[in-house]
Amino acid sequence: MNPRCPSGVKNDINLAREKVMSIVLNPIRHEASVVLEEIRLKDEKRRREIMDKPGCSPSDRPAADPTYFETYKRYQSSASRLMVNCGMN
């Protein structure tokens, strides 16, 4: 019976940590995906309504709504905090 070498054990531990973190982060990633898609669709609808108005030109495009980026940053921050709290910096 060959005992595993320390580097193999370390590798197994790292792989297990990555798998656990993936499982822990999946709900946050899924929620972020759903929320960001809703924001994107709402933004797209708003732009289309503005662009479809008679006399509107591409130069009249509305400014980007910072909500999407702010929401993305909030979810990224949550995931980062979770990773730090779990020692997966």
PDB file of N, CA and C in Angstrom:
ATOM      1  N   MET A   1       0.846  -1.180   0.000  1.00  0.00           N
ATOM      2  CA  MET A   1       0.000   0.000   0.000  1.00  0.00           C
ATOM      3  C   MET A   1       0.894   1.247   0.000  1.00  0.00           C
ATOM      4  N   ASN A   2       0.738   2.069  -1.008  1.00  0.00           N
ATOM      5  CA  ASN A   2       1.552   3.275  -1.128  1.00  0.00           C
ATOM      6  C   ASN A   2       0.839   4.454  -0.479  1.00  0.00           C
ATOM      7  N   PRO A   3       1.453   5.039   0.512  1.00  0.00           N
ATOM      8  CA  PRO A   3       0.834   6.252   1.072  1.00  0.00           C
ATOM      9  C   PRO A   3       0.955   7.380   0.062  1.00  0.00           C
ATOM     10  N   ARG A   4      -0.020   8.226   0.079  1.00  0.00           N
ATOM     11  CA  ARG A   4       0.010   9.374  -0.847  1.00  0.00           C
ATOM     12  C   ARG A   4       1.092  10.334  -0.416  1.00  0.00           C
ATOM     13  N   CYS A   5       1.730  10.904  -1.382  1.00  0.00           N
ATOM     14  CA  CYS A   5       2.765  11.877  -1.052  1.00  0.00           C
ATOM     15  C   CYS A   5       2.100  13.161  -0.564  1.00  0.00           C
ATOM     16  N   PRO A   6       2.795  13.935   0.266  1.00  0.00           N
ATOM     17  CA  PRO A   6       2.209  15.164   0.807  1.00  0.00           C
ATOM     18  C   PRO A   6       1.702  16.120  -0.267  1.00  0.00           C
ATOM     19  N   SER A   7       2.404  16.214  -1.397  1.00  0.00           N
ATOM     20  CA  SER A   7       1.940  17.144  -2.429  1.00  0.00           C
ATOM     21  C   SER A   7       0.621  16.668  -3.031  1.00  0.00           C
ATOM     22  N   GLY A   8       0.434  15.344  -3.109  1.00  0.00           N
ATOM     23  CA  GLY A   8      -0.834  14.809  -3.618  1.00  0.00           C
ATOM     24  C   GLY A   8      -1.979  15.107  -2.680  1.00  0.00           C
ATOM     25  N   VAL A   9      -1.732  14.989  -1.382  1.00  0.00           N
ATOM     26  CA  VAL A   9      -2.754  15.297  -0.378  1.00  0.00           C
ATOM     27  C   VAL A   9      -3.099  16.784  -0.444  1.00  0.00           C
ATOM     28  N   LYS A  10      -2.073  17.606  -0.538  1.00  0.00           N
ATOM     29  CA  LYS A  10      -2.297  19.054  -0.626  1.00  0.00           C
ATOM     30  C   LYS A  10      -3.135  19.389  -1.860  1.00  0.00           C
ATOM     31  N   ASN A  11      -2.829  18.745  -2.969  1.00  0.00           N
ATOM     32  CA  ASN A  11      -3.593  18.961  -4.189  1.00  0.00           C
ATOM     33  C   ASN A  11      -5.049  18.534  -4.000  1.00  0.00           C
ATOM     34  N   ASP A  12      -5.262  17.382  -3.358  1.00  0.00           N
ATOM     35  CA  ASP A  12      -6.631  16.905  -3.094  1.00  0.00           C
ATOM     36  C   ASP A  12      -7.402  17.884  -2.218  1.00  0.00           C
ATOM     37  N   ILE A  13      -6.727  18.415  -1.206  1.00  0.00           N
ATOM     38  CA  ILE A  13      -7.371  19.388  -0.315  1.00  0.00           C
ATOM     39  C   ILE A  13      -7.745  20.639  -1.093  1.00  0.00           C
ATOM     40  N   ASN A  14      -6.844  21.130  -1.931  1.00  0.00           N
ATOM     41  CA  ASN A  14      -7.140  22.325  -2.730  1.00  0.00           C
ATOM     42  C   ASN A  14      -8.312  22.084  -3.677  1.00  0.00           C
ATOM     43  N   LEU A  15      -8.345  20.915  -4.305  1.00  0.00           N
ATOM     44  CA  LEU A  15      -9.464  20.589  -5.198  1.00  0.00           C
ATOM     45  C   LEU A  15     -10.777  20.518  -4.426  1.00  0.00           C
ATOM     46  N   ALA A  16     -10.732  19.928  -3.227  1.00  0.00           N
ATOM     47  CA  ALA A  16     -11.946  19.841  -2.396  1.00  0.00           C
ATOM     48  C   ALA A  16     -12.417  21.229  -1.987  1.00  0.00           C
ATOM     49  N   ARG A  17     -11.491  22.112  -1.615  1.00  0.00           N
ATOM     50  CA  ARG A  17     -11.856  23.489  -1.253  1.00  0.00           C
ATOM     51  C   ARG A  17     -12.508  24.207  -2.432  1.00  0.00           C
ATOM     52  N   GLU A  18     -11.928  24.053  -3.604  1.00  0.00           N
ATOM     53  CA  GLU A  18     -12.492  24.696  -4.794  1.00  0.00           C
ATOM     54  C   GLU A  18     -13.900  24.184  -5.065  1.00  0.00           C
ATOM     55  N   LYS A  19     -14.106  22.892  -4.888  1.00  0.00           N
ATOM     56  CA  LYS A  19     -15.422  22.315  -5.126  1.00  0.00           C
ATOM     57  C   LYS A  19     -16.440  22.851  -4.109  1.00  0.00           C
ATOM     58  N   VAL A  20     -16.044  22.905  -2.853  1.00  0.00           N
ATOM     59  CA  VAL A  20     -16.932  23.435  -1.811  1.00  0.00           C
ATOM     60  C   VAL A  20     -17.255  24.898  -2.095  1.00  0.00           C
ATOM     61  N   MET A  21     -16.247  25.687  -2.458  1.00  0.00           N
ATOM     62  CA  MET A  21     -16.492  27.104  -2.750  1.00  0.00           C
ATOM     63  C   MET A  21     -17.427  27.262  -3.940  1.00  0.00           C
ATOM     64  N   SER A  22     -17.276  26.411  -4.922  1.00  0.00           N
ATOM     65  CA  SER A  22     -18.168  26.461  -6.074  1.00  0.00           C
ATOM     66  C   SER A  22     -19.608  26.198  -5.638  1.00  0.00           C
ATOM     67  N   ILE A  23     -19.777  25.210  -4.773  1.00  0.00           N
ATOM     68  CA  ILE A  23     -21.114  24.879  -4.264  1.00  0.00           C
ATOM     69  C   ILE A  23     -21.675  26.040  -3.449  1.00  0.00           C
ATOM     70  N   VAL A  24     -20.839  26.657  -2.626  1.00  0.00           N
ATOM     71  CA  VAL A  24     -21.272  27.772  -1.788  1.00  0.00           C
ATOM     72  C   VAL A  24     -21.603  29.002  -2.641  1.00  0.00           C
ATOM     73  N   LEU A  25     -20.806  29.241  -3.675  1.00  0.00           N
ATOM     74  CA  LEU A  25     -20.999  30.438  -4.492  1.00  0.00           C
ATOM     75  C   LEU A  25     -22.099  30.295  -5.544  1.00  0.00           C
ATOM     76  N   ASN A  26     -22.486  29.080  -5.883  1.00  0.00           N
ATOM     77  CA  ASN A  26     -23.504  28.886  -6.923  1.00  0.00           C
ATOM     78  C   ASN A  26     -24.796  29.648  -6.667  1.00  0.00           C
ATOM     79  N   PRO A  27     -25.362  29.635  -5.449  1.00  0.00           N
ATOM     80  CA  PRO A  27     -26.595  30.414  -5.241  1.00  0.00           C
ATOM     81  C   PRO A  27     -26.405  31.912  -5.481  1.00  0.00           C
ATOM     82  N   ILE A  28     -25.262  32.446  -5.055  1.00  0.00           N
ATOM     83  CA  ILE A  28     -24.991  33.879  -5.268  1.00  0.00           C
ATOM     84  C   ILE A  28     -24.857  34.155  -6.756  1.00  0.00           C
ATOM     85  N   ARG A  29     -24.124  33.302  -7.459  1.00  0.00           N
ATOM     86  CA  ARG A  29     -23.948  33.488  -8.907  1.00  0.00           C
ATOM     87  C   ARG A  29     -25.269  33.385  -9.647  1.00  0.00           C
ATOM     88  N   HIS A  30     -26.096  32.432  -9.232  1.00  0.00           N
ATOM     89  CA  HIS A  30     -27.393  32.255  -9.899  1.00  0.00           C
ATOM     90  C   HIS A  30     -28.278  33.476  -9.665  1.00  0.00           C
ATOM     91  N   GLU A  31     -28.359  33.914  -8.413  1.00  0.00           N
ATOM     92  CA  GLU A  31     -29.176  35.089  -8.105  1.00  0.00           C
ATOM     93  C   GLU A  31     -28.684  36.306  -8.872  1.00  0.00           C
ATOM     94  N   ALA A  32     -27.369  36.495  -8.908  1.00  0.00           N
ATOM     95  CA  ALA A  32     -26.799  37.626  -9.638  1.00  0.00           C
ATOM     96  C   ALA A  32     -27.178  37.546 -11.110  1.00  0.00           C
ATOM     97  N   SER A  33     -27.089  36.364 -11.684  1.00  0.00           N
ATOM     98  CA  SER A  33     -27.425  36.176 -13.100  1.00  0.00           C
ATOM     99  C   SER A  33     -28.874  36.557 -13.377  1.00  0.00           C
ATOM    100  N   VAL A  34     -29.780  36.114 -12.514  1.00  0.00           N
ATOM    101  CA  VAL A  34     -31.203  36.406 -12.699  1.00  0.00           C
ATOM    102  C   VAL A  34     -31.467  37.902 -12.557  1.00  0.00           C
ATOM    103  N   VAL A  35     -30.943  38.503 -11.502  1.00  0.00           N
ATOM    104  CA  VAL A  35     -31.173  39.929 -11.244  1.00  0.00           C
ATOM    105  C   VAL A  35     -30.567  40.782 -12.355  1.00  0.00           C
ATOM    106  N   LEU A  36     -29.344  40.465 -12.766  1.00  0.00           N
ATOM    107  CA  LEU A  36     -28.689  41.254 -13.813  1.00  0.00           C
ATOM    108  C   LEU A  36     -29.402  41.102 -15.156  1.00  0.00           C
ATOM    109  N   GLU A  37     -29.923  39.918 -15.432  1.00  0.00           N
ATOM    110  CA  GLU A  37     -30.680  39.734 -16.683  1.00  0.00           C
ATOM    111  C   GLU A  37     -31.957  40.573 -16.666  1.00  0.00           C
ATOM    112  N   GLU A  38     -32.639  40.633 -15.514  1.00  0.00           N
ATOM    113  CA  GLU A  38     -33.835  41.475 -15.404  1.00  0.00           C
ATOM    114  C   GLU A  38     -33.494  42.941 -15.645  1.00  0.00           C
ATOM    115  N   ILE A  39     -32.405  43.407 -15.075  1.00  0.00           N
ATOM    116  CA  ILE A  39     -31.982  44.797 -15.270  1.00  0.00           C
ATOM    117  C   ILE A  39     -31.641  45.039 -16.739  1.00  0.00           C
ATOM    118  N   ARG A  40     -30.920  44.097 -17.337  1.00  0.00           N
ATOM    119  CA  ARG A  40     -30.533  44.243 -18.743  1.00  0.00           C
ATOM    120  C   ARG A  40     -31.757  44.316 -19.642  1.00  0.00           C
ATOM    121  N   LEU A  41     -32.737  43.455 -19.404  1.00  0.00           N
ATOM    122  CA  LEU A  41     -33.955  43.461 -20.227  1.00  0.00           C
ATOM    123  C   LEU A  41     -34.746  44.754 -20.043  1.00  0.00           C
ATOM    124  N   LYS A  42     -34.837  45.232 -18.808  1.00  0.00           N
ATOM    125  CA  LYS A  42     -35.545  46.485 -18.547  1.00  0.00           C
ATOM    126  C   LYS A  42     -34.833  47.641 -19.241  1.00  0.00           C
ATOM    127  N   ASP A  43     -33.504  47.647 -19.170  1.00  0.00           N
ATOM    128  CA  ASP A  43     -32.705  48.682 -19.834  1.00  0.00           C
ATOM    129  C   ASP A  43     -32.898  48.636 -21.351  1.00  0.00           C
ATOM    130  N   GLU A  44     -32.864  47.434 -21.883  1.00  0.00           N
ATOM    131  CA  GLU A  44     -33.042  47.259 -23.331  1.00  0.00           C
ATOM    132  C   GLU A  44     -34.414  47.766 -23.770  1.00  0.00           C
ATOM    133  N   LYS A  45     -35.448  47.455 -23.000  1.00  0.00           N
ATOM    134  CA  LYS A  45     -36.806  47.913 -23.318  1.00  0.00           C
ATOM    135  C   LYS A  45     -36.870  49.436 -23.284  1.00  0.00           C
ATOM    136  N   ARG A  46     -36.255  50.041 -22.272  1.00  0.00           N
ATOM    137  CA  ARG A  46     -36.244  51.504 -22.155  1.00  0.00           C
ATOM    138  C   ARG A  46     -35.538  52.139 -23.345  1.00  0.00           C
ATOM    139  N   ARG A  47     -34.390  51.581 -23.730  1.00  0.00           N
ATOM    140  CA  ARG A  47     -33.658  52.125 -24.883  1.00  0.00           C
ATOM    141  C   ARG A  47     -34.469  51.998 -26.164  1.00  0.00           C
ATOM    142  N   ARG A  48     -35.113  50.848 -26.324  1.00  0.00           N
ATOM    143  CA  ARG A  48     -35.928  50.643 -27.534  1.00  0.00           C
ATOM    144  C   ARG A  48     -37.062  51.645 -27.595  1.00  0.00           C
ATOM    145  N   GLU A  49     -37.716  51.889 -26.456  1.00  0.00           N
ATOM    146  CA  GLU A  49     -38.824  52.861 -26.430  1.00  0.00           C
ATOM    147  C   GLU A  49     -38.331  54.245 -26.824  1.00  0.00           C
ATOM    148  N   ILE A  50     -37.166  54.615 -26.340  1.00  0.00           N
ATOM    149  CA  ILE A  50     -36.610  55.934 -26.672  1.00  0.00           C
ATOM    150  C   ILE A  50     -36.204  55.987 -28.140  1.00  0.00           C
ATOM    151  N   MET A  51     -35.517  54.934 -28.594  1.00  0.00           N
ATOM    152  CA  MET A  51     -35.021  54.921 -29.970  1.00  0.00           C
ATOM    153  C   MET A  51     -36.139  54.790 -31.004  1.00  0.00           C
ATOM    154  N   ASP A  52     -37.281  54.221 -30.619  1.00  0.00           N
ATOM    155  CA  ASP A  52     -38.390  54.045 -31.550  1.00  0.00           C
ATOM    156  C   ASP A  52     -39.257  55.294 -31.697  1.00  0.00           C
ATOM    157  N   LYS A  53     -38.989  56.302 -30.909  1.00  0.00           N
ATOM    158  CA  LYS A  53     -39.760  57.541 -31.028  1.00  0.00           C
ATOM    159  C   LYS A  53     -39.408  58.212 -32.347  1.00  0.00           C
ATOM    160  N   PRO A  54     -40.405  58.765 -33.027  1.00  0.00           N
ATOM    161  CA  PRO A  54     -40.134  59.452 -34.295  1.00  0.00           C
ATOM    162  C   PRO A  54     -39.126  60.595 -34.097  1.00  0.00           C
ATOM    163  N   GLY A  55     -38.192  60.690 -35.017  1.00  0.00           N
ATOM    164  CA  GLY A  55     -37.209  61.764 -34.979  1.00  0.00           C
ATOM    165  C   GLY A  55     -35.993  61.454 -34.111  1.00  0.00           C
ATOM    166  N   CYS A  56     -35.982  60.300 -33.498  1.00  0.00           N
ATOM    167  CA  CYS A  56     -34.852  59.928 -32.637  1.00  0.00           C
ATOM    168  C   CYS A  56     -33.723  59.380 -33.507  1.00  0.00           C
ATOM    169  N   SER A  57     -32.515  59.804 -33.212  1.00  0.00           N
ATOM    170  CA  SER A  57     -31.368  59.295 -33.965  1.00  0.00           C
ATOM    171  C   SER A  57     -30.443  58.534 -33.007  1.00  0.00           C
ATOM    172  N   PRO A  58     -29.520  57.755 -33.552  1.00  0.00           N
ATOM    173  CA  PRO A  58     -28.584  57.013 -32.684  1.00  0.00           C
ATOM    174  C   PRO A  58     -27.795  57.909 -31.738  1.00  0.00           C
ATOM    175  N   SER A  59     -27.604  59.162 -32.108  1.00  0.00           N
ATOM    176  CA  SER A  59     -26.873  60.061 -31.215  1.00  0.00           C
ATOM    177  C   SER A  59     -27.723  60.469 -30.013  1.00  0.00           C
ATOM    178  N   ASP A  60     -29.027  60.182 -30.056  1.00  0.00           N
ATOM    179  CA  ASP A  60     -29.922  60.495 -28.938  1.00  0.00           C
ATOM    180  C   ASP A  60     -29.982  59.353 -27.918  1.00  0.00           C
ATOM    181  N   ARG A  61     -29.112  58.371 -28.082  1.00  0.00           N
ATOM    182  CA  ARG A  61     -29.120  57.206 -27.189  1.00  0.00           C
ATOM    183  C   ARG A  61     -29.040  57.658 -25.732  1.00  0.00           C
ATOM    184  N   PRO A  62     -29.871  57.080 -24.873  1.00  0.00           N
ATOM    185  CA  PRO A  62     -29.858  57.479 -23.462  1.00  0.00           C
ATOM    186  C   PRO A  62     -28.552  57.045 -22.775  1.00  0.00           C
ATOM    187  N   ALA A  63     -28.225  57.770 -21.747  1.00  0.00           N
ATOM    188  CA  ALA A  63     -27.026  57.428 -20.977  1.00  0.00           C
ATOM    189  C   ALA A  63     -27.233  56.075 -20.303  1.00  0.00           C
ATOM    190  N   ALA A  64     -26.162  55.388 -20.087  1.00  0.00           N
ATOM    191  CA  ALA A  64     -26.240  54.087 -19.428  1.00  0.00           C
ATOM    192  C   ALA A  64     -26.700  54.268 -17.987  1.00  0.00           C
ATOM    193  N   ASP A  65     -27.560  53.366 -17.561  1.00  0.00           N
ATOM    194  CA  ASP A  65     -28.044  53.371 -16.192  1.00  0.00           C
ATOM    195  C   ASP A  65     -27.004  52.653 -15.333  1.00  0.00           C
ATOM    196  N   PRO A  66     -26.506  53.290 -14.308  1.00  0.00           N
ATOM    197  CA  PRO A  66     -25.458  52.667 -13.496  1.00  0.00           C
ATOM    198  C   PRO A  66     -25.957  51.508 -12.632  1.00  0.00           C
ATOM    199  N   THR A  67     -27.246  51.263 -12.626  1.00  0.00           N
ATOM    200  CA  THR A  67     -27.812  50.215 -11.779  1.00  0.00           C
ATOM    201  C   THR A  67     -27.187  48.854 -12.055  1.00  0.00           C
ATOM    202  N   TYR A  68     -26.992  48.506 -13.325  1.00  0.00           N
ATOM    203  CA  TYR A  68     -26.443  47.199 -13.672  1.00  0.00           C
ATOM    204  C   TYR A  68     -25.063  47.025 -13.064  1.00  0.00           C
ATOM    205  N   PHE A  69     -24.189  47.989 -13.286  1.00  0.00           N
ATOM    206  CA  PHE A  69     -22.821  47.887 -12.792  1.00  0.00           C
ATOM    207  C   PHE A  69     -22.780  47.888 -11.269  1.00  0.00           C
ATOM    208  N   GLU A  70     -23.594  48.724 -10.633  1.00  0.00           N
ATOM    209  CA  GLU A  70     -23.648  48.768  -9.174  1.00  0.00           C
ATOM    210  C   GLU A  70     -24.119  47.435  -8.611  1.00  0.00           C
ATOM    211  N   THR A  71     -25.117  46.842  -9.249  1.00  0.00           N
ATOM    212  CA  THR A  71     -25.628  45.547  -8.809  1.00  0.00           C
ATOM    213  C   THR A  71     -24.571  44.468  -9.002  1.00  0.00           C
ATOM    214  N   TYR A  72     -23.895  44.494 -10.147  1.00  0.00           N
ATOM    215  CA  TYR A  72     -22.821  43.535 -10.411  1.00  0.00           C
ATOM    216  C   TYR A  72     -21.734  43.647  -9.331  1.00  0.00           C
ATOM    217  N   LYS A  73     -21.322  44.873  -9.027  1.00  0.00           N
ATOM    218  CA  LYS A  73     -20.296  45.076  -8.008  1.00  0.00           C
ATOM    219  C   LYS A  73     -20.754  44.563  -6.649  1.00  0.00           C
ATOM    220  N   ARG A  74     -22.034  44.760  -6.327  1.00  0.00           N
ATOM    221  CA  ARG A  74     -22.560  44.292  -5.039  1.00  0.00           C
ATOM    222  C   ARG A  74     -22.468  42.767  -4.933  1.00  0.00           C
ATOM    223  N   TYR A  75     -22.851  42.066  -6.002  1.00  0.00           N
ATOM    224  CA  TYR A  75     -22.761  40.607  -5.985  1.00  0.00           C
ATOM    225  C   TYR A  75     -21.311  40.135  -5.963  1.00  0.00           C
ATOM    226  N   GLN A  76     -20.438  40.792  -6.700  1.00  0.00           N
ATOM    227  CA  GLN A  76     -19.022  40.433  -6.690  1.00  0.00           C
ATOM    228  C   GLN A  76     -18.433  40.640  -5.287  1.00  0.00           C
ATOM    229  N   SER A  77     -18.838  41.711  -4.644  1.00  0.00           N
ATOM    230  CA  SER A  77     -18.364  42.002  -3.301  1.00  0.00           C
ATOM    231  C   SER A  77     -18.841  40.926  -2.322  1.00  0.00           C
ATOM    232  N   SER A  78     -20.094  40.503  -2.464  1.00  0.00           N
ATOM    233  CA  SER A  78     -20.623  39.439  -1.604  1.00  0.00           C
ATOM    234  C   SER A  78     -19.836  38.148  -1.794  1.00  0.00           C
ATOM    235  N   ALA A  79     -19.569  37.802  -3.033  1.00  0.00           N
ATOM    236  CA  ALA A  79     -18.813  36.580  -3.321  1.00  0.00           C
ATOM    237  C   ALA A  79     -17.389  36.699  -2.774  1.00  0.00           C
ATOM    238  N   SER A  80     -16.775  37.848  -2.930  1.00  0.00           N
ATOM    239  CA  SER A  80     -15.404  38.045  -2.437  1.00  0.00           C
ATOM    240  C   SER A  80     -15.351  37.946  -0.918  1.00  0.00           C
ATOM    241  N   ARG A  81     -16.329  38.566  -0.233  1.00  0.00           N
ATOM    242  CA  ARG A  81     -16.370  38.488   1.225  1.00  0.00           C
ATOM    243  C   ARG A  81     -16.525  37.044   1.688  1.00  0.00           C
ATOM    244  N   LEU A  82     -17.374  36.312   1.010  1.00  0.00           N
ATOM    245  CA  LEU A  82     -17.588  34.921   1.357  1.00  0.00           C
ATOM    246  C   LEU A  82     -16.298  34.119   1.185  1.00  0.00           C
ATOM    247  N   MET A  83     -15.603  34.366   0.107  1.00  0.00           N
ATOM    248  CA  MET A  83     -14.349  33.657  -0.139  1.00  0.00           C
ATOM    249  C   MET A  83     -13.304  33.992   0.924  1.00  0.00           C
ATOM    250  N   VAL A  84     -13.224  35.261   1.320  1.00  0.00           N
ATOM    251  CA  VAL A  84     -12.276  35.661   2.349  1.00  0.00           C
ATOM    252  C   VAL A  84     -12.655  35.020   3.680  1.00  0.00           C
ATOM    253  N   ASN A  85     -13.941  35.027   4.008  1.00  0.00           N
ATOM    254  CA  ASN A  85     -14.396  34.429   5.264  1.00  0.00           C
ATOM    255  C   ASN A  85     -14.125  32.933   5.313  1.00  0.00           C
ATOM    256  N   CYS A  86     -14.094  32.294   4.163  1.00  0.00           N
ATOM    257  CA  CYS A  86     -13.831  30.859   4.098  1.00  0.00           C
ATOM    258  C   CYS A  86     -12.351  30.559   3.895  1.00  0.00           C
ATOM    259  N   GLY A  87     -11.529  31.586   3.878  1.00  0.00           N
ATOM    260  CA  GLY A  87     -10.093  31.398   3.716  1.00  0.00           C
ATOM    261  C   GLY A  87      -9.674  31.076   2.300  1.00  0.00           C
ATOM    262  N   MET A  88     -10.505  31.418   1.327  1.00  0.00           N
ATOM    263  CA  MET A  88     -10.189  31.129  -0.085  1.00  0.00           C
ATOM    264  C   MET A  88      -9.811  32.425  -0.793  1.00  0.00           C
ATOM    265  N   ASN A  89      -8.971  33.182  -0.213  1.00  0.00           N
ATOM    266  CA  ASN A  89      -8.578  34.476  -0.741  1.00  0.00           C
ATOM    267  C   ASN A  89      -7.928  34.386  -2.047  1.00  0.00           C
TER     268      ASN A  89
END
